[in-house]
Structures are given as structure tokens and as C-alpha cells.
């Protein structure tokens, strides 16, 4: 009886050790796989650079693209100053440049400016010449097919960098139904769509005033069509809007991921200041991508390969 009991204890402990080892190996493999986060900010609602660094490491992100705000100005495009700092107190060009210089192995940076501000193109050029890899986040109250957006796109075209836009009905980059005009005018510029109105419009039946729609998705919305019809259109899966779009109808998302697998990019846009990893929105987005992707190949494209190719990093 003692021998049998000891044998059972040995087998149980061995099985537990193997299981634990397997779990640890799986966890290590998940962390060891490179991830590019295309959407983060300095000073996000007051977060320090040290907290940002810890947060990115806790999520398992290996390379982060920092998106700056434009100059703080009182203009209609910034809602008379109310949406300065991307409406989240985020840092400007000089802050993302400095952070990337301090941590060159983990951070790269973008350039940004208010699109209707005199000298905008010169400001963008200054930081693009210094090594910025993207223009954005463009989050300003101007029509998305306006001369102001086109002036920014001219700089993106000159420097060969992508341009990221925040689409939000009646607030930023207005008139998403007209964005095809911008895509057609600048076929050599890669545009990245982001935020509530971008992700709401995966659904053909989307009501524009609804910011975080729920329930089943009918394919064929504006966003779905833009990704299907234009090779220079990409989607940023970040923020609550991106996560909501994935989990509201996961059966649809599986097919959406497969259909647009070469045009979707992981971003977190997560303001977490604790560095808690699994509990934060960014980590939940990574987990959703891993859970919903039909294949490992699609998962790796969304978390790493598409961004590596697009940004040449």
C-alpha cells in the first residue's frame, strides 16, 4: 500500500512538473516571439517614460512606435484647444524623439503636426529627416478628403512613410465615406485607419453616431471595402475600438482577419501606467489576436510581420 501510494505521489508530482514546464515553455515562447506595437504615446494621461517602458515590456512588446501630438494651439481643428495633446495629454515630437534616442533597441518614433497650421510641412520634415518612420496620429477636426489632410499626405509621399488617421464621427477626420478620394489621390502613400468610426464601419449596417457598436457584424461596411479595394489602406487594431471590433462577433473576425491578413497591424494605444501586462487593454488585444486568428501565420502577420514590412524595421 505504501509503495503504491508513493508511486501515485511520484507520478502526480512528475505530471505536475511536466505540465508546469510545458506552461512555462509556452509562456516563454509567447514572450520570445517579437511583437511590434505601432501605436503608443509618451505622457499618456500623465504616464511617465519609465512606466511606459515597463508597460511595453510587461505586454511582451519588442518594438514600439511612439506617435506624438501636434503643437498645442487654439484652432477649430483642435476644438479650440480642447483636443490638444491628442485629447489625452500626450507628448509632442520632441518627447517621442528623445524616448527613442534613450532606448533605440525598443522604440522608434513618428512625426506629427496640426494639419492646418502654417509651417506644418516644415515641422514634419524636420523629424522625418531625424528618423521618424510615420506621420501621426492625425487626430484633428478636418474633413478626411480636405486640402489639409492632402498637405500632410504630400509630406508622407515625399518621405515614403505611412500616415495614421483617427476617424471619429463629427470629431476627427470627418466624412469617412469620402476617404476613398484621398486613397486614390495618393496611391503611393500607405494610410492606416484607427479609432471608433474606422472600426465601427466594418459593419455594413453601422450607424455612424454609435462609437462602440455591439452584436453581429454584416460584412461589407466602408472599412471592409476600403481594405478590399485599396492596397495602400491598412488597419490599426489598437484601443478599445479595435478590441471591441474583434470580440463583438468573433466568427466574423476570423474571416475578417483572413481576408485582410496582410493589411492589419497590432497597436495597443493603451494608457496603463502600472505595467500590469495581462490585465491591460493592450495585452487583451494581443490575446484576442492569438485566440481568433485561424492560423499561426495570420497571427504572426498581425502581431509582427506586417508592421516589420510596412515600417522597414
Protein backbone atom coordinates (compact mmCIF):
# COMPACT_ATOMS: atom_id res chain seq x y z
CA UNK A 1 0.00 0.00 0.00
CA UNK A 2 2.84 2.39 0.89
CA UNK A 3 4.64 1.55 -2.34
CA UNK A 4 1.50 2.14 -4.38
CA UNK A 5 0.82 5.41 -2.54
CA UNK A 6 4.38 6.60 -3.09
CA UNK A 7 4.21 5.67 -6.74
CA UNK A 8 0.97 7.66 -7.18
CA UNK A 9 2.56 10.65 -5.45
CA UNK A 10 5.63 10.35 -7.69
CA UNK A 11 3.54 10.15 -10.85
CA UNK A 12 1.38 13.06 -9.77
CA UNK A 13 4.36 15.25 -8.95
CA UNK A 14 6.06 14.28 -12.21
CA UNK A 15 2.92 15.10 -14.21
CA UNK A 16 2.62 18.42 -12.42
CA UNK A 17 6.25 19.23 -13.15
CA UNK A 18 5.84 18.35 -16.82
CA UNK A 19 2.65 20.40 -17.04
CA UNK A 20 4.31 23.33 -15.29
CA UNK A 21 7.31 23.06 -17.56
CA UNK A 22 5.05 22.96 -20.60
CA UNK A 23 3.17 26.03 -19.45
CA UNK A 24 6.41 27.86 -18.76
CA UNK A 25 7.77 26.91 -22.15
CA UNK A 26 4.57 28.09 -23.84
CA UNK A 27 4.66 31.35 -21.90
CA UNK A 28 8.32 31.88 -22.79
CA UNK A 29 7.65 31.14 -26.46
CA UNK A 30 4.82 33.69 -26.48
CA UNK A 31 7.07 36.34 -24.94
CA UNK A 32 10.07 35.36 -27.07
CA UNK A 33 8.14 35.93 -30.30
CA UNK A 34 8.71 39.51 -31.44
CA UNK A 35 5.76 41.91 -31.36
CA UNK A 36 5.61 45.38 -32.88
CA UNK A 37 3.22 47.84 -31.25
CA UNK A 38 2.50 50.52 -33.86
CA UNK A 39 0.50 52.81 -31.57
CA UNK A 40 1.78 54.22 -28.28
CA UNK A 41 2.24 57.66 -26.73
CA UNK A 42 4.54 59.43 -24.32
CA UNK A 43 2.98 61.15 -21.29
CA UNK A 44 -0.30 59.37 -21.99
CA UNK A 45 -2.68 60.92 -19.40
CA UNK A 46 0.39 61.71 -17.32
CA UNK A 47 2.20 58.36 -17.57
CA UNK A 48 5.98 58.64 -17.10
CA UNK A 49 8.54 57.33 -19.58
CA UNK A 50 9.67 54.76 -17.01
CA UNK A 51 6.11 53.49 -16.63
CA UNK A 52 5.73 53.33 -20.40
CA UNK A 53 8.91 51.27 -20.72
CA UNK A 54 7.76 48.82 -18.03
CA UNK A 55 4.31 48.56 -19.61
CA UNK A 56 5.64 47.67 -23.04
CA UNK A 57 7.92 45.02 -21.59
CA UNK A 58 5.09 43.59 -19.49
CA UNK A 59 2.98 43.18 -22.64
CA UNK A 60 5.84 41.34 -24.35
CA UNK A 61 6.29 44.05 -26.98
CA UNK A 62 9.75 44.11 -28.53
CA UNK A 63 9.45 47.24 -30.69
CA UNK A 64 7.17 50.22 -30.05
CA UNK A 65 6.30 53.08 -32.40
CA UNK A 66 5.65 56.30 -30.50
CA UNK A 67 3.07 58.64 -32.01
CA UNK A 68 3.32 62.31 -31.00
CA UNK A 69 0.77 65.09 -30.75
CA UNK A 70 0.97 68.33 -32.71
CA UNK A 71 1.65 71.74 -31.21
CA UNK A 72 -0.91 72.94 -28.64
CA UNK A 73 -2.92 75.61 -30.47
CA UNK A 74 -6.40 77.12 -30.28
CA UNK A 75 -7.94 76.43 -33.67
CA UNK A 76 -11.16 74.83 -34.93
CA UNK A 77 -9.09 71.77 -35.92
CA UNK A 78 -8.19 71.24 -32.24
CA UNK A 79 -11.67 72.09 -30.97
CA UNK A 80 -10.28 75.46 -29.87
CA UNK A 81 -7.55 73.74 -27.91
CA UNK A 82 -9.73 71.18 -26.14
CA UNK A 83 -8.21 68.28 -28.09
CA UNK A 84 -4.59 69.41 -27.85
CA UNK A 85 -2.27 66.55 -26.92
CA UNK A 86 -4.49 64.18 -28.93
CA UNK A 87 -7.15 64.82 -26.26
CA UNK A 88 -5.08 62.66 -23.88
CA UNK A 89 -2.24 64.96 -22.75
CA UNK A 90 0.22 63.07 -24.93
CA UNK A 91 3.70 64.36 -25.65
CA UNK A 92 4.85 66.08 -28.83
CA UNK A 93 7.55 65.45 -31.39
CA UNK A 94 10.47 66.25 -29.12
CA UNK A 95 9.31 63.79 -26.43
CA UNK A 96 9.00 60.75 -28.72
CA UNK A 97 12.31 61.60 -30.40
CA UNK A 98 14.03 61.76 -27.02
CA UNK A 99 12.49 58.49 -25.78
CA UNK A 100 13.56 56.65 -28.94
CA UNK A 101 17.08 58.03 -28.60
CA UNK A 102 17.31 56.81 -25.00
CA UNK A 103 16.01 53.32 -25.88
CA UNK A 104 16.89 52.74 -29.55
CA UNK A 105 16.50 48.96 -29.35
CA UNK A 106 12.88 49.17 -28.17
CA UNK A 107 11.41 52.40 -29.51
CA UNK A 108 11.11 54.20 -32.83
CA UNK A 109 9.15 57.41 -33.34
CA UNK A 110 6.75 59.27 -35.57
CA UNK A 111 6.24 62.90 -36.53
CA UNK A 112 3.06 64.94 -36.24
CA UNK A 113 1.62 68.43 -36.59
CA UNK A 114 -1.74 70.17 -36.74
CA UNK A 115 -2.66 69.88 -40.45
CA UNK A 116 -3.99 73.42 -40.96
CA UNK A 117 -1.14 75.11 -39.09
CA UNK A 118 1.26 77.31 -41.08
CA UNK A 119 4.69 75.66 -41.27
CA UNK A 120 3.18 72.20 -40.76
CA UNK A 121 5.13 70.57 -43.59
CA UNK A 122 8.42 72.02 -42.38
CA UNK A 123 7.82 70.68 -38.86
CA UNK A 124 7.04 67.21 -40.18
CA UNK A 125 10.08 67.26 -42.42
CA UNK A 126 12.36 68.17 -39.51
CA UNK A 127 11.50 65.00 -37.61
CA UNK A 128 11.24 62.76 -40.66
CA UNK A 129 14.79 63.77 -41.55
CA UNK A 130 15.75 62.85 -37.98
CA UNK A 131 14.43 59.31 -38.49
CA UNK A 132 10.67 59.32 -37.89
CA UNK A 133 9.01 56.31 -39.54
CA UNK A 134 5.39 57.52 -39.69
CA UNK A 135 3.22 60.63 -39.66
CA UNK A 136 0.57 60.50 -36.98
CA UNK A 137 -1.52 60.19 -35.07
CA UNK A 138 -3.50 62.67 -37.18
CA UNK A 139 -6.41 63.42 -34.83
CA UNK A 140 -7.88 66.76 -35.88
CA UNK A 141 -11.27 68.14 -36.85
CA UNK A 142 -10.84 68.41 -40.62
CA UNK A 143 -12.52 66.51 -43.48
CA UNK A 144 -10.55 63.39 -44.36
CA UNK A 145 -10.53 64.39 -48.05
CA UNK A 146 -9.62 68.04 -47.40
CA UNK A 147 -6.68 70.11 -48.59
CA UNK A 148 -5.30 69.91 -45.05
CA UNK A 149 -5.12 66.11 -44.99
CA UNK A 150 -3.75 66.18 -48.52
CA UNK A 151 -1.00 68.59 -47.49
CA UNK A 152 0.09 66.08 -44.84
CA UNK A 153 -0.11 63.25 -47.36
CA UNK A 154 2.21 65.19 -49.67
CA UNK A 155 4.90 65.02 -46.98
CA UNK A 156 4.24 61.31 -46.39
CA UNK A 157 4.64 60.73 -50.10
CA UNK A 158 7.87 62.74 -50.26
CA UNK A 159 9.47 60.81 -47.40
CA UNK A 160 7.93 57.42 -48.18
CA UNK A 161 6.33 56.90 -44.77
CA UNK A 162 2.83 55.75 -43.74
CA UNK A 163 0.22 58.12 -42.30
CA UNK A 164 -2.11 57.14 -39.43
CA UNK A 165 -5.53 58.78 -39.01
CA UNK A 166 -8.02 58.73 -36.15
CA UNK A 167 -11.55 58.53 -37.61
CA UNK A 168 -14.30 59.66 -35.23
CA UNK A 169 -17.71 60.79 -36.45
CA UNK A 170 -18.29 64.54 -36.05
CA UNK A 171 -14.97 64.91 -34.20
CA UNK A 172 -11.85 63.92 -36.16
CA UNK A 173 -11.09 63.23 -39.85
CA UNK A 174 -14.65 63.81 -40.87
CA UNK A 175 -16.51 62.02 -43.64
CA UNK A 176 -15.01 58.53 -43.77
CA UNK A 177 -17.33 57.76 -46.70
CA UNK A 178 -15.16 60.13 -48.75
CA UNK A 179 -11.77 58.76 -47.77
CA UNK A 180 -11.51 56.79 -50.99
CA UNK A 181 -10.77 60.13 -52.69
CA UNK A 182 -7.63 60.55 -50.61
CA UNK A 183 -6.53 56.97 -51.26
CA UNK A 184 -6.94 57.49 -54.98
CA UNK A 185 -5.15 60.84 -54.98
CA UNK A 186 -2.14 59.38 -53.15
CA UNK A 187 -1.79 55.75 -54.32
CA UNK A 188 1.87 55.63 -53.22
CA UNK A 189 1.08 56.63 -49.62
CA UNK A 190 0.16 53.91 -47.15
CA UNK A 191 -2.68 55.08 -44.91
CA UNK A 192 -3.55 53.46 -41.58
CA UNK A 193 -7.09 53.75 -40.20
CA UNK A 194 -7.80 53.82 -36.48
CA UNK A 195 -10.46 54.58 -33.85
CA UNK A 196 -14.22 54.36 -33.35
CA UNK A 197 -15.59 55.29 -36.75
CA UNK A 198 -12.94 53.29 -38.58
CA UNK A 199 -13.74 50.11 -36.65
CA UNK A 200 -17.48 50.66 -36.46
CA UNK A 201 -17.58 50.63 -40.24
CA UNK A 202 -16.51 47.03 -40.62
CA UNK A 203 -20.29 46.56 -40.43
CA UNK A 204 -22.40 47.34 -43.48
CA UNK A 205 -25.27 48.30 -41.15
CA UNK A 206 -23.22 50.60 -38.91
CA UNK A 207 -24.92 53.72 -37.54
CA UNK A 208 -22.27 56.46 -37.65
CA UNK A 209 -23.16 58.11 -34.35
CA UNK A 210 -22.59 54.85 -32.43
CA UNK A 211 -18.99 54.74 -31.18
CA UNK A 212 -18.78 51.21 -29.75
CA UNK A 213 -21.32 49.03 -31.56
CA UNK A 214 -22.16 45.56 -30.30
CA UNK A 215 -23.59 42.41 -31.83
CA UNK A 216 -23.27 40.54 -35.09
CA UNK A 217 -21.45 42.16 -38.00
CA UNK A 218 -22.70 42.28 -41.57
CA UNK A 219 -19.61 42.26 -43.82
CA UNK A 220 -19.22 44.92 -46.49
CA UNK A 221 -19.01 48.15 -44.48
CA UNK A 222 -16.94 51.15 -45.54
CA UNK A 223 -13.83 49.91 -43.73
CA UNK A 224 -14.16 46.42 -45.19
CA UNK A 225 -14.46 47.89 -48.69
CA UNK A 226 -11.52 50.28 -48.28
CA UNK A 227 -9.27 47.41 -47.19
CA UNK A 228 -10.52 45.24 -50.05
CA UNK A 229 -10.28 47.87 -52.78
CA UNK A 230 -7.07 49.72 -51.90
CA UNK A 231 -3.69 48.11 -51.35
CA UNK A 232 -2.45 51.28 -49.64
CA UNK A 233 -5.08 51.04 -46.87
CA UNK A 234 -4.20 49.40 -43.54
CA UNK A 235 -5.99 48.94 -40.22
CA UNK A 236 -4.62 49.65 -36.72
CA UNK A 237 -6.19 47.19 -34.26
CA UNK A 238 -5.49 49.37 -31.23
CA UNK A 239 -7.58 50.97 -28.49
CA UNK A 240 -10.96 49.97 -27.09
CA UNK A 241 -12.47 50.46 -30.54
CA UNK A 242 -10.14 47.93 -32.14
CA UNK A 243 -10.61 45.39 -29.36
CA UNK A 244 -14.39 45.87 -29.42
CA UNK A 245 -14.46 45.26 -33.17
CA UNK A 246 -12.71 41.92 -32.68
CA UNK A 247 -14.68 40.48 -29.79
CA UNK A 248 -18.21 41.67 -30.69
CA UNK A 249 -18.52 38.92 -33.32
CA UNK A 250 -15.54 36.59 -33.28
CA UNK A 251 -16.91 34.40 -36.06
CA UNK A 252 -16.89 37.45 -38.33
CA UNK A 253 -13.46 38.47 -37.08
CA UNK A 254 -11.91 35.14 -38.06
CA UNK A 255 -12.94 35.74 -41.65
CA UNK A 256 -12.05 39.45 -41.49
CA UNK A 257 -8.54 38.58 -40.28
CA UNK A 258 -8.12 36.03 -43.06
CA UNK A 259 -9.48 38.39 -45.71
CA UNK A 260 -7.25 41.31 -44.74
CA UNK A 261 -4.35 39.42 -43.18
CA UNK A 262 -1.68 41.47 -44.94
CA UNK A 263 -3.20 44.86 -44.03
CA UNK A 264 -3.89 44.61 -40.30
CA UNK A 265 -1.44 45.79 -37.65
CA UNK A 266 -1.29 45.35 -33.89
CA UNK A 267 -1.29 48.55 -31.88
CA UNK A 268 -2.10 48.93 -28.20
CA UNK A 269 -2.89 52.65 -27.66
CA UNK A 270 -3.05 51.52 -24.04
CA UNK A 271 -2.72 54.15 -21.27
CA UNK A 272 -1.98 51.65 -18.50
CA UNK A 273 0.54 53.15 -16.07
CA UNK A 274 1.06 50.13 -13.81
CA UNK A 275 2.84 47.81 -16.24
CA UNK A 276 0.47 45.02 -15.31
CA UNK A 277 0.68 43.14 -18.60
CA UNK A 278 -2.18 40.61 -18.80
CA UNK A 279 -4.70 42.90 -17.12
CA UNK A 280 -4.36 45.80 -19.54
CA UNK A 281 -6.23 46.55 -22.74
CA UNK A 282 -3.12 46.13 -24.91
CA UNK A 283 -2.49 42.63 -23.58
CA UNK A 284 -6.14 41.74 -24.10
CA UNK A 285 -5.79 42.82 -27.73
CA UNK A 286 -2.76 40.57 -28.18
CA UNK A 287 -4.66 37.69 -26.58
CA UNK A 288 -7.67 38.29 -28.85
CA UNK A 289 -5.49 38.25 -31.97
CA UNK A 290 -3.92 34.97 -30.87
CA UNK A 291 -7.26 33.43 -29.98
CA UNK A 292 -9.19 34.50 -33.07
CA UNK A 293 -6.60 34.09 -35.84
CA UNK A 294 -7.31 30.97 -37.87
CA UNK A 295 -3.63 30.13 -38.28
CA UNK A 296 -0.30 30.89 -36.66
CA UNK A 297 0.76 32.53 -39.92
CA UNK A 298 -2.07 35.06 -39.71
CA UNK A 299 -1.33 35.74 -36.03
CA UNK A 300 2.33 36.47 -36.75
CA UNK A 301 1.42 38.75 -39.63
CA UNK A 302 -0.84 40.85 -37.42
CA UNK A 303 1.49 40.98 -34.43
CA UNK A 304 4.79 41.43 -36.24
CA UNK A 305 5.40 40.74 -39.90
CA UNK A 306 3.05 43.30 -41.48
CA UNK A 307 4.49 46.13 -39.36
CA UNK A 308 8.07 45.00 -39.95
CA UNK A 309 7.49 45.15 -43.71
CA UNK A 310 5.48 48.39 -43.72
CA UNK A 311 7.88 50.33 -41.48
CA UNK A 312 11.06 48.63 -42.68
CA UNK A 313 12.16 47.85 -39.12
